[in-house]
Amino acid sequence: MNIYIAGLSYRTNDADLTNLFAEFGEVSSAKVIMDRETGNSRGFAFVEMTSDEEGQKAIDELNGVEYDQKVISVSVARPRAEKPSYGGSRGGYSNSRRY
């Protein structure tokens, strides 16, 4: 089960999440999402748990609790929506005529 966690402290790291969710079952991965520009946490993360039952128990127990002085929101992660592809140039205006 893939779990989405929002409202995290910027100090929270992958190991912290692994330890937090391991109380509820086997964690196959934990990833705090980092900003590409600054390298700092963006305040949300994803945790993958091997069992759906253990994942649901973690969601039920952790949603709305205070963790590292922040109230976190924990839910089932939704699949990433595909962004529409408009193709071609990125400038928005494409003049394909040649002179």
PDB file of N, CA and C in Angstrom:
ATOM      1  N   MET A   1       0.845  -1.180   0.000  1.00  0.00           N
ATOM      2  CA  MET A   1       0.000   0.000   0.000  1.00  0.00           C
ATOM      3  C   MET A   1       0.886   1.237   0.000  1.00  0.00           C
ATOM      4  N   ASN A   2       0.574   2.183  -0.862  1.00  0.00           N
ATOM      5  CA  ASN A   2       1.315   3.431  -0.935  1.00  0.00           C
ATOM      6  C   ASN A   2       0.563   4.480  -0.116  1.00  0.00           C
ATOM      7  N   ILE A   3       1.268   5.122   0.812  1.00  0.00           N
ATOM      8  CA  ILE A   3       0.660   6.053   1.759  1.00  0.00           C
ATOM      9  C   ILE A   3       1.267   7.436   1.573  1.00  0.00           C
ATOM     10  N   TYR A   4       0.407   8.451   1.602  1.00  0.00           N
ATOM     11  CA  TYR A   4       0.820   9.847   1.466  1.00  0.00           C
ATOM     12  C   TYR A   4       0.766  10.500   2.841  1.00  0.00           C
ATOM     13  N   ILE A   5       1.832  11.221   3.201  1.00  0.00           N
ATOM     14  CA  ILE A   5       1.903  11.917   4.478  1.00  0.00           C
ATOM     15  C   ILE A   5       2.161  13.389   4.204  1.00  0.00           C
ATOM     16  N   ALA A   6       1.292  14.267   4.718  1.00  0.00           N
ATOM     17  CA  ALA A   6       1.440  15.712   4.529  1.00  0.00           C
ATOM     18  C   ALA A   6       1.579  16.391   5.881  1.00  0.00           C
ATOM     19  N   GLY A   7       2.124  17.612   5.852  1.00  0.00           N
ATOM     20  CA  GLY A   7       2.257  18.400   7.074  1.00  0.00           C
ATOM     21  C   GLY A   7       3.469  18.036   7.904  1.00  0.00           C
ATOM     22  N   LEU A   8       4.459  17.420   7.283  1.00  0.00           N
ATOM     23  CA  LEU A   8       5.646  16.995   8.021  1.00  0.00           C
ATOM     24  C   LEU A   8       6.546  18.173   8.378  1.00  0.00           C
ATOM     25  N   SER A   9       7.242  18.014   9.476  1.00  0.00           N
ATOM     26  CA  SER A   9       8.287  18.968   9.841  1.00  0.00           C
ATOM     27  C   SER A   9       9.380  18.886   8.782  1.00  0.00           C
ATOM     28  N   TYR A  10      10.013  19.999   8.504  1.00  0.00           N
ATOM     29  CA  TYR A  10      11.083  20.015   7.506  1.00  0.00           C
ATOM     30  C   TYR A  10      12.320  19.259   7.978  1.00  0.00           C
ATOM     31  N   ARG A  11      12.363  18.906   9.266  1.00  0.00           N
ATOM     32  CA  ARG A  11      13.492  18.128   9.815  1.00  0.00           C
ATOM     33  C   ARG A  11      13.306  16.626   9.624  1.00  0.00           C
ATOM     34  N   THR A  12      12.089  16.181   9.317  1.00  0.00           N
ATOM     35  CA  THR A  12      11.795  14.749   9.188  1.00  0.00           C
ATOM     36  C   THR A  12      12.534  14.165   7.982  1.00  0.00           C
ATOM     37  N   ASN A  13      13.153  12.998   8.182  1.00  0.00           N
ATOM     38  CA  ASN A  13      13.864  12.346   7.076  1.00  0.00           C
ATOM     39  C   ASN A  13      13.297  10.947   6.828  1.00  0.00           C
ATOM     40  N   ASP A  14      13.843  10.263   5.814  1.00  0.00           N
ATOM     41  CA  ASP A  14      13.356   8.932   5.429  1.00  0.00           C
ATOM     42  C   ASP A  14      13.412   7.944   6.592  1.00  0.00           C
ATOM     43  N   ALA A  15      14.509   7.961   7.342  1.00  0.00           N
ATOM     44  CA  ALA A  15      14.680   7.027   8.461  1.00  0.00           C
ATOM     45  C   ALA A  15      13.639   7.271   9.549  1.00  0.00           C
ATOM     46  N   ASP A  16      13.320   8.539   9.810  1.00  0.00           N
ATOM     47  CA  ASP A  16      12.290   8.853  10.806  1.00  0.00           C
ATOM     48  C   ASP A  16      10.959   8.227  10.421  1.00  0.00           C
ATOM     49  N   LEU A  17      10.593   8.354   9.147  1.00  0.00           N
ATOM     50  CA  LEU A  17       9.321   7.794   8.679  1.00  0.00           C
ATOM     51  C   LEU A  17       9.324   6.278   8.727  1.00  0.00           C
ATOM     52  N   THR A  18      10.436   5.680   8.342  1.00  0.00           N
ATOM     53  CA  THR A  18      10.540   4.221   8.408  1.00  0.00           C
ATOM     54  C   THR A  18      10.299   3.745   9.835  1.00  0.00           C
ATOM     55  N   ASN A  19      10.935   4.403  10.803  1.00  0.00           N
ATOM     56  CA  ASN A  19      10.762   4.020  12.206  1.00  0.00           C
ATOM     57  C   ASN A  19       9.329   4.237  12.679  1.00  0.00           C
ATOM     58  N   LEU A  20       8.713   5.342  12.275  1.00  0.00           N
ATOM     59  CA  LEU A  20       7.345   5.639  12.690  1.00  0.00           C
ATOM     60  C   LEU A  20       6.368   4.592  12.161  1.00  0.00           C
ATOM     61  N   PHE A  21       6.474   4.264  10.877  1.00  0.00           N
ATOM     62  CA  PHE A  21       5.524   3.333  10.261  1.00  0.00           C
ATOM     63  C   PHE A  21       5.844   1.871  10.567  1.00  0.00           C
ATOM     64  N   ALA A  22       7.083   1.571  10.941  1.00  0.00           N
ATOM     65  CA  ALA A  22       7.461   0.190  11.265  1.00  0.00           C
ATOM     66  C   ALA A  22       6.713  -0.330  12.487  1.00  0.00           C
ATOM     67  N   GLU A  23       6.181   0.570  13.298  1.00  0.00           N
ATOM     68  CA  GLU A  23       5.374   0.149  14.450  1.00  0.00           C
ATOM     69  C   GLU A  23       4.114  -0.587  14.008  1.00  0.00           C
ATOM     70  N   PHE A  24       3.705  -0.381  12.754  1.00  0.00           N
ATOM     71  CA  PHE A  24       2.453  -0.952  12.263  1.00  0.00           C
ATOM     72  C   PHE A  24       2.662  -2.108  11.295  1.00  0.00           C
ATOM     73  N   GLY A  25       3.899  -2.331  10.856  1.00  0.00           N
ATOM     74  CA  GLY A  25       4.177  -3.420   9.931  1.00  0.00           C
ATOM     75  C   GLY A  25       5.445  -3.165   9.134  1.00  0.00           C
ATOM     76  N   GLU A  26       5.636  -4.003   8.130  1.00  0.00           N
ATOM     77  CA  GLU A  26       6.851  -3.927   7.318  1.00  0.00           C
ATOM     78  C   GLU A  26       6.783  -2.766   6.324  1.00  0.00           C
ATOM     79  N   VAL A  27       7.804  -1.923   6.376  1.00  0.00           N
ATOM     80  CA  VAL A  27       7.912  -0.772   5.472  1.00  0.00           C
ATOM     81  C   VAL A  27       8.882  -1.144   4.365  1.00  0.00           C
ATOM     82  N   SER A  28       8.421  -1.094   3.111  1.00  0.00           N
ATOM     83  CA  SER A  28       9.324  -1.414   2.004  1.00  0.00           C
ATOM     84  C   SER A  28      10.079  -0.183   1.520  1.00  0.00           C
ATOM     85  N   SER A  29       9.504   1.023   1.699  1.00  0.00           N
ATOM     86  CA  SER A  29      10.240   2.249   1.373  1.00  0.00           C
ATOM     87  C   SER A  29       9.584   3.441   2.051  1.00  0.00           C
ATOM     88  N   ALA A  30      10.389   4.457   2.291  1.00  0.00           N
ATOM     89  CA  ALA A  30       9.908   5.717   2.847  1.00  0.00           C
ATOM     90  C   ALA A  30      10.714   6.820   2.182  1.00  0.00           C
ATOM     91  N   LYS A  31      10.017   7.802   1.618  1.00  0.00           N
ATOM     92  CA  LYS A  31      10.710   8.845   0.858  1.00  0.00           C
ATOM     93  C   LYS A  31      10.112  10.215   1.152  1.00  0.00           C
ATOM     94  N   VAL A  32      10.901  11.074   1.812  1.00  0.00           N
ATOM     95  CA  VAL A  32      10.521  12.469   1.996  1.00  0.00           C
ATOM     96  C   VAL A  32      10.830  13.174   0.679  1.00  0.00           C
ATOM     97  N   ILE A  33       9.873  13.950   0.178  1.00  0.00           N
ATOM     98  CA  ILE A  33      10.055  14.638  -1.096  1.00  0.00           C
ATOM     99  C   ILE A  33      10.837  15.924  -0.865  1.00  0.00           C
ATOM    100  N   MET A  34      11.906  16.083  -1.644  1.00  0.00           N
ATOM    101  CA  MET A  34      12.804  17.222  -1.492  1.00  0.00           C
ATOM    102  C   MET A  34      12.645  18.197  -2.652  1.00  0.00           C
ATOM    103  N   ASP A  35      12.839  19.470  -2.358  1.00  0.00           N
ATOM    104  CA  ASP A  35      12.803  20.510  -3.386  1.00  0.00           C
ATOM    105  C   ASP A  35      14.053  20.396  -4.247  1.00  0.00           C
ATOM    106  N   ARG A  36      13.878  20.402  -5.563  1.00  0.00           N
ATOM    107  CA  ARG A  36      15.011  20.269  -6.484  1.00  0.00           C
ATOM    108  C   ARG A  36      15.990  21.437  -6.390  1.00  0.00           C
ATOM    109  N   GLU A  37      15.448  22.621  -6.184  1.00  0.00           N
ATOM    110  CA  GLU A  37      16.289  23.824  -6.168  1.00  0.00           C
ATOM    111  C   GLU A  37      17.105  23.941  -4.885  1.00  0.00           C
ATOM    112  N   THR A  38      16.443  23.774  -3.735  1.00  0.00           N
ATOM    113  CA  THR A  38      17.099  24.040  -2.449  1.00  0.00           C
ATOM    114  C   THR A  38      17.617  22.789  -1.755  1.00  0.00           C
ATOM    115  N   GLY A  39      17.065  21.630  -2.103  1.00  0.00           N
ATOM    116  CA  GLY A  39      17.456  20.402  -1.414  1.00  0.00           C
ATOM    117  C   GLY A  39      16.771  20.229  -0.071  1.00  0.00           C
ATOM    118  N   ASN A  40      15.857  21.131   0.280  1.00  0.00           N
ATOM    119  CA  ASN A  40      15.124  21.049   1.543  1.00  0.00           C
ATOM    120  C   ASN A  40      13.846  20.235   1.358  1.00  0.00           C
ATOM    121  N   SER A  41      13.356  19.702   2.474  1.00  0.00           N
ATOM    122  CA  SER A  41      12.097  18.956   2.445  1.00  0.00           C
ATOM    123  C   SER A  41      10.959  19.859   1.994  1.00  0.00           C
ATOM    124  N   ARG A  42      10.015  19.266   1.269  1.00  0.00           N
ATOM    125  CA  ARG A  42       8.817  20.006   0.854  1.00  0.00           C
ATOM    126  C   ARG A  42       7.659  19.792   1.833  1.00  0.00           C
ATOM    127  N   GLY A  43       7.890  19.011   2.889  1.00  0.00           N
ATOM    128  CA  GLY A  43       6.877  18.831   3.930  1.00  0.00           C
ATOM    129  C   GLY A  43       5.902  17.700   3.687  1.00  0.00           C
ATOM    130  N   PHE A  44       6.183  16.857   2.686  1.00  0.00           N
ATOM    131  CA  PHE A  44       5.335  15.685   2.477  1.00  0.00           C
ATOM    132  C   PHE A  44       6.196  14.503   2.048  1.00  0.00           C
ATOM    133  N   ALA A  45       5.591  13.316   2.131  1.00  0.00           N
ATOM    134  CA  ALA A  45       6.360  12.100   1.860  1.00  0.00           C
ATOM    135  C   ALA A  45       5.433  10.972   1.432  1.00  0.00           C
ATOM    136  N   PHE A  46       6.055   9.892   0.982  1.00  0.00           N
ATOM    137  CA  PHE A  46       5.338   8.670   0.637  1.00  0.00           C
ATOM    138  C   PHE A  46       5.996   7.498   1.354  1.00  0.00           C
ATOM    139  N   VAL A  47       5.160   6.620   1.890  1.00  0.00           N
ATOM    140  CA  VAL A  47       5.635   5.401   2.539  1.00  0.00           C
ATOM    141  C   VAL A  47       4.946   4.233   1.858  1.00  0.00           C
ATOM    142  N   GLU A  48       5.704   3.226   1.504  1.00  0.00           N
ATOM    143  CA  GLU A  48       5.158   2.007   0.902  1.00  0.00           C
ATOM    144  C   GLU A  48       5.230   0.903   1.956  1.00  0.00           C
ATOM    145  N   MET A  49       4.073   0.296   2.228  1.00  0.00           N
ATOM    146  CA  MET A  49       4.026  -0.823   3.172  1.00  0.00           C
ATOM    147  C   MET A  49       3.621  -2.076   2.412  1.00  0.00           C
ATOM    148  N   THR A  50       4.177  -3.211   2.827  1.00  0.00           N
ATOM    149  CA  THR A  50       3.962  -4.454   2.093  1.00  0.00           C
ATOM    150  C   THR A  50       2.542  -4.990   2.235  1.00  0.00           C
ATOM    151  N   SER A  51       1.891  -4.701   3.356  1.00  0.00           N
ATOM    152  CA  SER A  51       0.550  -5.232   3.601  1.00  0.00           C
ATOM    153  C   SER A  51      -0.482  -4.101   3.601  1.00  0.00           C
ATOM    154  N   ASP A  52      -1.581  -4.293   2.873  1.00  0.00           N
ATOM    155  CA  ASP A  52      -2.658  -3.300   2.859  1.00  0.00           C
ATOM    156  C   ASP A  52      -3.298  -3.153   4.241  1.00  0.00           C
ATOM    157  N   GLU A  53      -3.433  -4.268   4.966  1.00  0.00           N
ATOM    158  CA  GLU A  53      -4.037  -4.217   6.296  1.00  0.00           C
ATOM    159  C   GLU A  53      -3.173  -3.405   7.249  1.00  0.00           C
ATOM    160  N   GLU A  54      -1.859  -3.631   7.220  1.00  0.00           N
ATOM    161  CA  GLU A  54      -0.947  -2.881   8.084  1.00  0.00           C
ATOM    162  C   GLU A  54      -0.918  -1.414   7.670  1.00  0.00           C
ATOM    163  N   GLY A  55      -0.959  -1.161   6.384  1.00  0.00           N
ATOM    164  CA  GLY A  55      -0.983   0.208   5.889  1.00  0.00           C
ATOM    165  C   GLY A  55      -2.225   0.949   6.340  1.00  0.00           C
ATOM    166  N   GLN A  56      -3.380   0.288   6.270  1.00  0.00           N
ATOM    167  CA  GLN A  56      -4.628   0.924   6.700  1.00  0.00           C
ATOM    168  C   GLN A  56      -4.604   1.191   8.198  1.00  0.00           C
ATOM    169  N   LYS A  57      -4.042   0.275   8.965  1.00  0.00           N
ATOM    170  CA  LYS A  57      -3.937   0.486  10.417  1.00  0.00           C
ATOM    171  C   LYS A  57      -3.048   1.693  10.707  1.00  0.00           C
ATOM    172  N   ALA A  58      -1.937   1.833   9.967  1.00  0.00           N
ATOM    173  CA  ALA A  58      -1.053   2.986  10.147  1.00  0.00           C
ATOM    174  C   ALA A  58      -1.788   4.281   9.824  1.00  0.00           C
ATOM    175  N   ILE A  59      -2.564   4.278   8.739  1.00  0.00           N
ATOM    176  CA  ILE A  59      -3.336   5.461   8.357  1.00  0.00           C
ATOM    177  C   ILE A  59      -4.325   5.815   9.471  1.00  0.00           C
ATOM    178  N   ASP A  60      -5.068   4.809   9.941  1.00  0.00           N
ATOM    179  CA  ASP A  60      -6.071   5.044  10.982  1.00  0.00           C
ATOM    180  C   ASP A  60      -5.449   5.588  12.266  1.00  0.00           C
ATOM    181  N   GLU A  61      -4.291   5.080  12.632  1.00  0.00           N
ATOM    182  CA  GLU A  61      -3.652   5.456  13.897  1.00  0.00           C
ATOM    183  C   GLU A  61      -2.880   6.774  13.812  1.00  0.00           C
ATOM    184  N   LEU A  62      -2.336   7.100  12.643  1.00  0.00           N
ATOM    185  CA  LEU A  62      -1.446   8.261  12.535  1.00  0.00           C
ATOM    186  C   LEU A  62      -2.102   9.514  11.960  1.00  0.00           C
ATOM    187  N   ASN A  63      -3.209   9.382  11.267  1.00  0.00           N
ATOM    188  CA  ASN A  63      -3.844  10.551  10.665  1.00  0.00           C
ATOM    189  C   ASN A  63      -4.319  11.517  11.747  1.00  0.00           C
ATOM    190  N   GLY A  64      -3.857  12.768  11.661  1.00  0.00           N
ATOM    191  CA  GLY A  64      -4.276  13.792  12.614  1.00  0.00           C
ATOM    192  C   GLY A  64      -3.493  13.840  13.906  1.00  0.00           C
ATOM    193  N   VAL A  65      -2.464  13.008  14.049  1.00  0.00           N
ATOM    194  CA  VAL A  65      -1.655  13.045  15.268  1.00  0.00           C
ATOM    195  C   VAL A  65      -0.523  14.062  15.135  1.00  0.00           C
ATOM    196  N   GLU A  66       0.037  14.462  16.274  1.00  0.00           N
ATOM    197  CA  GLU A  66       1.169  15.374  16.266  1.00  0.00           C
ATOM    198  C   GLU A  66       2.454  14.552  16.196  1.00  0.00           C
ATOM    199  N   TYR A  67       3.291  14.886  15.230  1.00  0.00           N
ATOM    200  CA  TYR A  67       4.586  14.224  15.061  1.00  0.00           C
ATOM    201  C   TYR A  67       5.637  15.302  14.843  1.00  0.00           C
ATOM    202  N   ASP A  68       6.640  15.334  15.664  1.00  0.00           N
ATOM    203  CA  ASP A  68       7.713  16.322  15.588  1.00  0.00           C
ATOM    204  C   ASP A  68       7.138  17.743  15.585  1.00  0.00           C
ATOM    205  N   GLN A  69       6.196  17.984  16.495  1.00  0.00           N
ATOM    206  CA  GLN A  69       5.567  19.279  16.722  1.00  0.00           C
ATOM    207  C   GLN A  69       4.696  19.769  15.556  1.00  0.00           C
ATOM    208  N   LYS A  70       4.284  18.867  14.683  1.00  0.00           N
ATOM    209  CA  LYS A  70       3.397  19.206  13.563  1.00  0.00           C
ATOM    210  C   LYS A  70       2.285  18.167  13.504  1.00  0.00           C
ATOM    211  N   VAL A  71       1.067  18.596  13.184  1.00  0.00           N
ATOM    212  CA  VAL A  71      -0.044  17.666  12.993  1.00  0.00           C
ATOM    213  C   VAL A  71       0.031  17.159  11.559  1.00  0.00           C
ATOM    214  N   ILE A  72       0.146  15.842  11.426  1.00  0.00           N
ATOM    215  CA  ILE A  72       0.306  15.257  10.096  1.00  0.00           C
ATOM    216  C   ILE A  72      -1.015  14.707   9.572  1.00  0.00           C
ATOM    217  N   SER A  73      -1.110  14.678   8.253  1.00  0.00           N
ATOM    218  CA  SER A  73      -2.261  14.108   7.565  1.00  0.00           C
ATOM    219  C   SER A  73      -1.767  12.866   6.826  1.00  0.00           C
ATOM    220  N   VAL A  74      -2.402  11.735   7.076  1.00  0.00           N
ATOM    221  CA  VAL A  74      -1.972  10.467   6.496  1.00  0.00           C
ATOM    222  C   VAL A  74      -3.139   9.845   5.744  1.00  0.00           C
ATOM    223  N   SER A  75      -2.908   9.482   4.478  1.00  0.00           N
ATOM    224  CA  SER A  75      -3.977   8.902   3.667  1.00  0.00           C
ATOM    225  C   SER A  75      -3.388   7.982   2.604  1.00  0.00           C
ATOM    226  N   VAL A  76      -4.285   7.245   1.947  1.00  0.00           N
ATOM    227  CA  VAL A  76      -3.855   6.406   0.831  1.00  0.00           C
ATOM    228  C   VAL A  76      -3.417   7.338  -0.297  1.00  0.00           C
ATOM    229  N   ALA A  77      -2.268   7.068  -0.875  1.00  0.00           N
ATOM    230  CA  ALA A  77      -1.760   7.899  -1.970  1.00  0.00           C
ATOM    231  C   ALA A  77      -2.578   7.636  -3.222  1.00  0.00           C
ATOM    232  N   ARG A  78      -2.944   8.712  -3.895  1.00  0.00           N
ATOM    233  CA  ARG A  78      -3.653   8.591  -5.179  1.00  0.00           C
ATOM    234  C   ARG A  78      -2.619   8.465  -6.287  1.00  0.00           C
ATOM    235  N   PRO A  79      -2.959   7.754  -7.353  1.00  0.00           N
ATOM    236  CA  PRO A  79      -2.030   7.676  -8.484  1.00  0.00           C
ATOM    237  C   PRO A  79      -1.781   9.070  -9.052  1.00  0.00           C
ATOM    238  N   ARG A  80      -0.578   9.280  -9.516  1.00  0.00           N
ATOM    239  CA  ARG A  80      -0.215  10.566 -10.082  1.00  0.00           C
ATOM    240  C   ARG A  80      -0.990  10.793 -11.376  1.00  0.00           C
ATOM    241  N   ALA A  81      -1.620  11.949 -11.487  1.00  0.00           N
ATOM    242  CA  ALA A  81      -2.387  12.281 -12.687  1.00  0.00           C
ATOM    243  C   ALA A  81      -1.440  12.607 -13.824  1.00  0.00           C
ATOM    244  N   GLU A  82      -1.778  12.111 -14.992  1.00  0.00           N
ATOM    245  CA  GLU A  82      -0.976  12.412 -16.175  1.00  0.00           C
ATOM    246  C   GLU A  82      -1.251  13.843 -16.609  1.00  0.00           C
ATOM    247  N   LYS A  83      -0.207  14.581 -16.841  1.00  0.00           N
ATOM    248  CA  LYS A  83      -0.365  15.946 -17.335  1.00  0.00           C
ATOM    249  C   LYS A  83      -0.560  15.879 -18.835  1.00  0.00           C
ATOM    250  N   PRO A  84      -1.468  16.701 -19.366  1.00  0.00           N
ATOM    251  CA  PRO A  84      -1.687  16.672 -20.815  1.00  0.00           C
ATOM    252  C   PRO A  84      -0.441  17.131 -21.566  1.00  0.00           C
ATOM    253  N   SER A  85      -0.204  16.500 -22.670  1.00  0.00           N
ATOM    254  CA  SER A  85       0.939  16.858 -23.502  1.00  0.00           C
ATOM    255  C   SER A  85       0.444  17.728 -24.643  1.00  0.00           C
ATOM    256  N   TYR A  86       0.969  18.909 -24.724  1.00  0.00           N
ATOM    257  CA  TYR A  86       0.573  19.815 -25.786  1.00  0.00           C
ATOM    258  C   TYR A  86       1.552  19.768 -26.943  1.00  0.00           C
ATOM    259  N   GLY A  87       2.620  19.026 -26.760  1.00  0.00           N
ATOM    260  CA  GLY A  87       3.583  18.804 -27.838  1.00  0.00           C
ATOM    261  C   GLY A  87       4.311  20.051 -28.276  1.00  0.00           C
ATOM    262  N   GLY A  88       5.212  19.875 -29.185  1.00  0.00           N
ATOM    263  CA  GLY A  88       5.907  20.982 -29.835  1.00  0.00           C
ATOM    264  C   GLY A  88       6.668  21.893 -28.909  1.00  0.00           C
ATOM    265  N   SER A  89       6.656  23.164 -29.257  1.00  0.00           N
ATOM    266  CA  SER A  89       7.458  24.143 -28.527  1.00  0.00           C
ATOM    267  C   SER A  89       6.835  24.451 -27.185  1.00  0.00           C
ATOM    268  N   ARG A  90       7.664  24.981 -26.309  1.00  0.00           N
ATOM    269  CA  ARG A  90       7.191  25.327 -24.981  1.00  0.00           C
ATOM    270  C   ARG A  90       6.792  26.785 -24.900  1.00  0.00           C
ATOM    271  N   GLY A  91       6.988  27.530 -25.989  1.00  0.00           N
ATOM    272  CA  GLY A  91       6.723  28.958 -25.973  1.00  0.00           C
ATOM    273  C   GLY A  91       5.257  29.317 -26.073  1.00  0.00           C
ATOM    274  N   GLY A  92       4.430  28.410 -26.466  1.00  0.00           N
ATOM    275  CA  GLY A  92       3.010  28.679 -26.557  1.00  0.00           C
ATOM    276  C   GLY A  92       2.586  29.160 -27.939  1.00  0.00           C
ATOM    277  N   TYR A  93       3.467  29.765 -28.685  1.00  0.00           N
ATOM    278  CA  TYR A  93       3.152  30.244 -30.023  1.00  0.00           C
ATOM    279  C   TYR A  93       4.120  29.594 -30.976  1.00  0.00           C
ATOM    280  N   SER A  94       3.588  28.953 -31.961  1.00  0.00           N
ATOM    281  CA  SER A  94       4.449  28.271 -32.904  1.00  0.00           C
ATOM    282  C   SER A  94       4.119  28.751 -34.306  1.00  0.00           C
ATOM    283  N   ASN A  95       5.061  29.433 -34.908  1.00  0.00           N
ATOM    284  CA  ASN A  95       4.885  29.891 -36.281  1.00  0.00           C
ATOM    285  C   ASN A  95       5.682  28.947 -37.171  1.00  0.00           C
ATOM    286  N   SER A  96       4.995  28.077 -37.837  1.00  0.00           N
ATOM    287  CA  SER A  96       5.691  27.049 -38.621  1.00  0.00           C
ATOM    288  C   SER A  96       5.988  27.480 -40.060  1.00  0.00           C
ATOM    289  N   ARG A  97       5.577  28.694 -40.433  1.00  0.00           N
ATOM    290  CA  ARG A  97       5.864  29.137 -41.806  1.00  0.00           C
ATOM    291  C   ARG A  97       7.342  29.408 -41.973  1.00  0.00           C
ATOM    292  N   ARG A  98       7.830  29.081 -43.135  1.00  0.00           N
ATOM    293  CA  ARG A  98       9.230  29.370 -43.461  1.00  0.00           C
ATOM    294  C   ARG A  98       9.288  30.404 -44.542  1.00  0.00           C
ATOM    295  N   TYR A  99      10.287  31.241 -44.475  1.00  0.00           N
ATOM    296  CA  TYR A  99      10.440  32.314 -45.479  1.00  0.00           C
ATOM    297  C   TYR A  99      11.604  32.045 -46.367  1.00  0.00           C
TER     298      TYR A  99
END
